[in-house]
Amino acid sequence: MTDRSAPIIPASYEDWKHCITVLCGIPLTRSYVEARIAALGDPRNYATQRFAEVWGQAQLDRVRGWFADARVELGGSTT
């Protein structure tokens, strides 16, 4: 059964975190967060290019920010 109350495209950090951790079942571990920050920060990464093509640059920027927020929440730095 799917959660029909969850937005298709997250609009906030809390919505995004719910999508990642609850709907997708992916724990936001330090290693996962760091790997995603690295991949999403690499404009040559094919998956990052596709993300921008499908969801738009603004959503890519939001997701990058949310991963940075997750890093801080895990006790990491802001850079």
C-alpha atoms as a PDB file:
ATOM      1  CA  MET A   1       0.000   0.000   0.000  1.00  0.00           C
ATOM      2  CA  THR A   2       1.362   3.430  -0.898  1.00  0.00           C
ATOM      3  CA  ASP A   3       1.134   6.555   1.211  1.00  0.00           C
ATOM      4  CA  ARG A   4      -1.091   8.785  -0.906  1.00  0.00           C
ATOM      5  CA  SER A   5      -0.601  11.738   1.443  1.00  0.00           C
ATOM      6  CA  ALA A   6       3.111  12.018   0.614  1.00  0.00           C
ATOM      7  CA  PRO A   7       3.956  14.531  -2.121  1.00  0.00           C
ATOM      8  CA  ILE A   8       5.419  13.141  -5.352  1.00  0.00           C
ATOM      9  CA  ILE A   9       8.094  15.833  -5.371  1.00  0.00           C
ATOM     10  CA  PRO A  10       9.147  16.762  -1.845  1.00  0.00           C
ATOM     11  CA  ALA A  11       8.855  20.450  -1.086  1.00  0.00           C
ATOM     12  CA  SER A  12      10.535  20.473   2.322  1.00  0.00           C
ATOM     13  CA  TYR A  13      13.359  18.771   4.170  1.00  0.00           C
ATOM     14  CA  GLU A  14      10.879  16.834   6.320  1.00  0.00           C
ATOM     15  CA  ASP A  15       8.953  15.595   3.234  1.00  0.00           C
ATOM     16  CA  TRP A  16      12.222  14.601   1.575  1.00  0.00           C
ATOM     17  CA  LYS A  17      13.509  12.830   4.676  1.00  0.00           C
ATOM     18  CA  HIS A  18      10.220  10.929   4.976  1.00  0.00           C
ATOM     19  CA  CYS A  19      10.485   9.845   1.324  1.00  0.00           C
ATOM     20  CA  ILE A  20      14.068   8.627   1.756  1.00  0.00           C
ATOM     21  CA  THR A  21      13.817   6.958   5.157  1.00  0.00           C
ATOM     22  CA  VAL A  22      10.211   5.742   5.329  1.00  0.00           C
ATOM     23  CA  LEU A  23       8.882   5.298   1.798  1.00  0.00           C
ATOM     24  CA  CYS A  24      12.194   4.119   0.303  1.00  0.00           C
ATOM     25  CA  GLY A  25      13.550   2.526   3.478  1.00  0.00           C
ATOM     26  CA  ILE A  26      17.011   4.051   3.053  1.00  0.00           C
ATOM     27  CA  PRO A  27      18.738   4.993   6.315  1.00  0.00           C
ATOM     28  CA  LEU A  28      20.458   8.359   6.208  1.00  0.00           C
ATOM     29  CA  THR A  29      23.853   7.150   7.334  1.00  0.00           C
ATOM     30  CA  ARG A  30      26.951   9.328   7.201  1.00  0.00           C
ATOM     31  CA  SER A  31      28.447   7.226   4.384  1.00  0.00           C
ATOM     32  CA  TYR A  32      25.244   7.339   2.292  1.00  0.00           C
ATOM     33  CA  VAL A  33      24.840  11.080   2.777  1.00  0.00           C
ATOM     34  CA  GLU A  34      28.494  11.773   1.902  1.00  0.00           C
ATOM     35  CA  ALA A  35      28.292   9.563  -1.204  1.00  0.00           C
ATOM     36  CA  ARG A  36      25.154  11.348  -2.427  1.00  0.00           C
ATOM     37  CA  ILE A  37      26.651  14.793  -1.746  1.00  0.00           C
ATOM     38  CA  ALA A  38      29.708  13.823  -3.805  1.00  0.00           C
ATOM     39  CA  ALA A  39      27.642  12.406  -6.681  1.00  0.00           C
ATOM     40  CA  LEU A  40      25.160  15.288  -6.777  1.00  0.00           C
ATOM     41  CA  GLY A  41      28.012  17.777  -6.695  1.00  0.00           C
ATOM     42  CA  ASP A  42      29.678  16.250  -9.753  1.00  0.00           C
ATOM     43  CA  PRO A  43      28.255  17.772 -12.954  1.00  0.00           C
ATOM     44  CA  ARG A  44      29.932  14.980 -14.960  1.00  0.00           C
ATOM     45  CA  ASN A  45      28.013  12.280 -13.067  1.00  0.00           C
ATOM     46  CA  TYR A  46      25.450  10.779 -15.449  1.00  0.00           C
ATOM     47  CA  ALA A  47      22.845  10.226 -12.710  1.00  0.00           C
ATOM     48  CA  THR A  48      23.199  13.859 -11.623  1.00  0.00           C
ATOM     49  CA  GLN A  49      22.804  15.041 -15.217  1.00  0.00           C
ATOM     50  CA  ARG A  50      19.668  12.906 -15.621  1.00  0.00           C
ATOM     51  CA  PHE A  51      18.255  14.164 -12.316  1.00  0.00           C
ATOM     52  CA  ALA A  52      18.615  17.758 -13.532  1.00  0.00           C
ATOM     53  CA  GLU A  53      17.054  16.892 -16.898  1.00  0.00           C
ATOM     54  CA  VAL A  54      14.053  15.121 -15.364  1.00  0.00           C
ATOM     55  CA  TRP A  55      13.373  17.154 -12.217  1.00  0.00           C
ATOM     56  CA  GLY A  56      15.041  20.474 -13.051  1.00  0.00           C
ATOM     57  CA  GLN A  57      18.003  22.384 -11.676  1.00  0.00           C
ATOM     58  CA  ALA A  58      15.967  23.976  -8.893  1.00  0.00           C
ATOM     59  CA  GLN A  59      14.951  20.574  -7.494  1.00  0.00           C
ATOM     60  CA  LEU A  60      18.534  19.321  -7.794  1.00  0.00           C
ATOM     61  CA  ASP A  61      19.664  22.347  -5.799  1.00  0.00           C
ATOM     62  CA  ARG A  62      17.001  21.659  -3.146  1.00  0.00           C
ATOM     63  CA  VAL A  63      18.041  18.003  -2.862  1.00  0.00           C
ATOM     64  CA  ARG A  64      21.697  19.009  -2.534  1.00  0.00           C
ATOM     65  CA  GLY A  65      20.675  21.334   0.270  1.00  0.00           C
ATOM     66  CA  TRP A  66      18.668  18.608   1.990  1.00  0.00           C
ATOM     67  CA  PHE A  67      21.615  16.238   1.884  1.00  0.00           C
ATOM     68  CA  ALA A  68      23.715  19.043   3.401  1.00  0.00           C
ATOM     69  CA  ASP A  69      21.048  19.431   6.114  1.00  0.00           C
ATOM     70  CA  ALA A  70      21.185  15.677   6.741  1.00  0.00           C
ATOM     71  CA  ARG A  71      24.973  15.901   7.052  1.00  0.00           C
ATOM     72  CA  VAL A  72      24.607  18.590   9.726  1.00  0.00           C
ATOM     73  CA  GLU A  73      21.916  16.545  11.475  1.00  0.00           C
ATOM     74  CA  LEU A  74      24.373  13.635  11.587  1.00  0.00           C
ATOM     75  CA  GLY A  75      26.961  15.871  13.217  1.00  0.00           C
ATOM     76  CA  GLY A  76      28.960  16.714  10.108  1.00  0.00           C
ATOM     77  CA  SER A  77      30.186  20.010   8.760  1.00  0.00           C
ATOM     78  CA  THR A  78      28.249  22.385   6.537  1.00  0.00           C
ATOM     79  CA  THR A  79      30.895  22.271   3.791  1.00  0.00           C
END
